[in-house]
Structures are given as structure tokens and as C-alpha cells.
């Protein structure tokens, strides 16, 4: 009785749940220090230091930053 089956959720309730999830405050998984260190390593730190945020960093560079962070995390797990 305590479980909610997806088919029992009305469209209205689903919309309310979805809005709650979307509006949750986002937490950063990577520290700013790690982001800046990876940006230095990948060569786009200048863009960050000029603008102060990731607004003008290309999606390719952001993707490369995520790949690098995953590599770092995987290496730390193997130790």
C-alpha cells in the first residue's frame, strides 16, 4: 500500500512532482578550485579569468572539462 505505481499518478500530480524536482537548488559536484585547475590544464583558463564565469566557455571545452574530471575521479578510485 505504501508504494506509488506510476500508472496511478495523475498528469496533474506528475506535473507538480516534476516542477518540484526542477526547482530544487542545484549543487555543484565539482569544486570551483577543481574547475579552474582543469581549465588551466586544458588551456581555457584565460576565458574564465577574463569573464569570471563559464558563460563564454564553449560547450566543447565544458565537455572536455567533464571528461577530464571523470578521468581524475576514475584514477582516484583505482588508488
Protein backbone atom coordinates (compact mmCIF):
# COMPACT_ATOMS: atom_id res chain seq x y z
CA UNK A 1 0.00 0.00 0.00
CA UNK A 2 2.89 2.42 0.62
CA UNK A 3 4.24 2.24 -2.94
CA UNK A 4 3.09 4.55 -5.69
CA UNK A 5 2.70 2.89 -9.03
CA UNK A 6 3.47 5.17 -11.94
CA UNK A 7 0.14 4.45 -13.64
CA UNK A 8 -1.66 5.72 -10.51
CA UNK A 9 -0.06 9.17 -10.72
CA UNK A 10 -2.37 11.60 -12.44
CA UNK A 11 -1.00 14.00 -15.03
CA UNK A 12 -1.60 16.87 -12.63
CA UNK A 13 0.30 15.19 -9.80
CA UNK A 14 3.10 14.26 -12.18
CA UNK A 15 3.40 17.90 -13.29
CA UNK A 16 3.59 19.04 -9.64
CA UNK A 17 6.28 16.46 -8.84
CA UNK A 18 8.24 17.42 -11.96
CA UNK A 19 8.11 21.11 -11.06
CA UNK A 20 9.38 20.35 -7.55
CA UNK A 21 12.31 18.37 -8.93
CA UNK A 22 13.18 21.03 -11.50
CA UNK A 23 13.09 23.80 -8.89
CA UNK A 24 15.40 22.03 -6.43
CA UNK A 25 18.52 24.07 -5.75
CA UNK A 26 21.44 22.82 -7.79
CA UNK A 27 24.55 21.73 -6.00
CA UNK A 28 27.91 21.76 -7.65
CA UNK A 29 29.55 18.38 -7.93
CA UNK A 30 32.96 19.82 -8.73
CA UNK A 31 34.57 22.46 -6.57
CA UNK A 32 35.41 25.75 -8.20
CA UNK A 33 39.08 25.10 -7.49
CA UNK A 34 38.93 21.83 -9.47
CA UNK A 35 37.09 23.54 -12.34
CA UNK A 36 39.72 26.27 -12.56
CA UNK A 37 42.58 23.77 -12.32
CA UNK A 38 41.13 21.69 -15.16
CA UNK A 39 40.51 24.86 -17.20
CA UNK A 40 44.20 25.78 -16.77
CA UNK A 41 45.26 22.29 -17.84
CA UNK A 42 43.01 22.36 -20.90
CA UNK A 43 44.03 25.89 -21.88
CA UNK A 44 40.87 27.95 -21.50
CA UNK A 45 41.51 29.46 -18.08
CA UNK A 46 42.00 32.87 -19.72
CA UNK A 47 38.35 32.93 -20.74
CA UNK A 48 37.34 32.25 -17.13
CA UNK A 49 39.69 34.77 -15.60
CA UNK A 50 38.50 37.49 -18.02
CA UNK A 51 34.77 36.83 -17.53
CA UNK A 52 34.69 35.31 -14.07
CA UNK A 53 32.24 32.59 -15.07
CA UNK A 54 31.60 29.83 -17.59
CA UNK A 55 29.21 31.89 -19.72
CA UNK A 56 31.65 32.33 -22.60
CA UNK A 57 33.30 28.91 -22.40
CA UNK A 58 32.40 26.77 -25.41
CA UNK A 59 30.35 23.64 -24.96
CA UNK A 60 33.25 21.65 -26.38
CA UNK A 61 35.56 22.97 -23.65
CA UNK A 62 32.93 22.31 -20.98
CA UNK A 63 32.54 18.75 -22.30
CA UNK A 64 36.30 18.27 -22.25
CA UNK A 65 36.36 19.56 -18.69
CA UNK A 66 33.75 16.98 -17.66
CA UNK A 67 35.72 14.19 -19.39
CA UNK A 68 38.86 15.26 -17.56
CA UNK A 69 37.03 15.36 -14.21
CA UNK A 70 35.74 11.82 -14.84
CA UNK A 71 39.28 10.65 -15.65
CA UNK A 72 40.55 12.19 -12.41
CA UNK A 73 37.74 10.56 -10.42
CA UNK A 74 38.37 7.16 -12.01
CA UNK A 75 42.10 7.38 -11.25
CA UNK A 76 41.40 8.26 -7.63
CA UNK A 77 39.12 5.23 -7.32
CA UNK A 78 41.86 2.91 -8.58
CA UNK A 79 44.31 4.02 -5.89
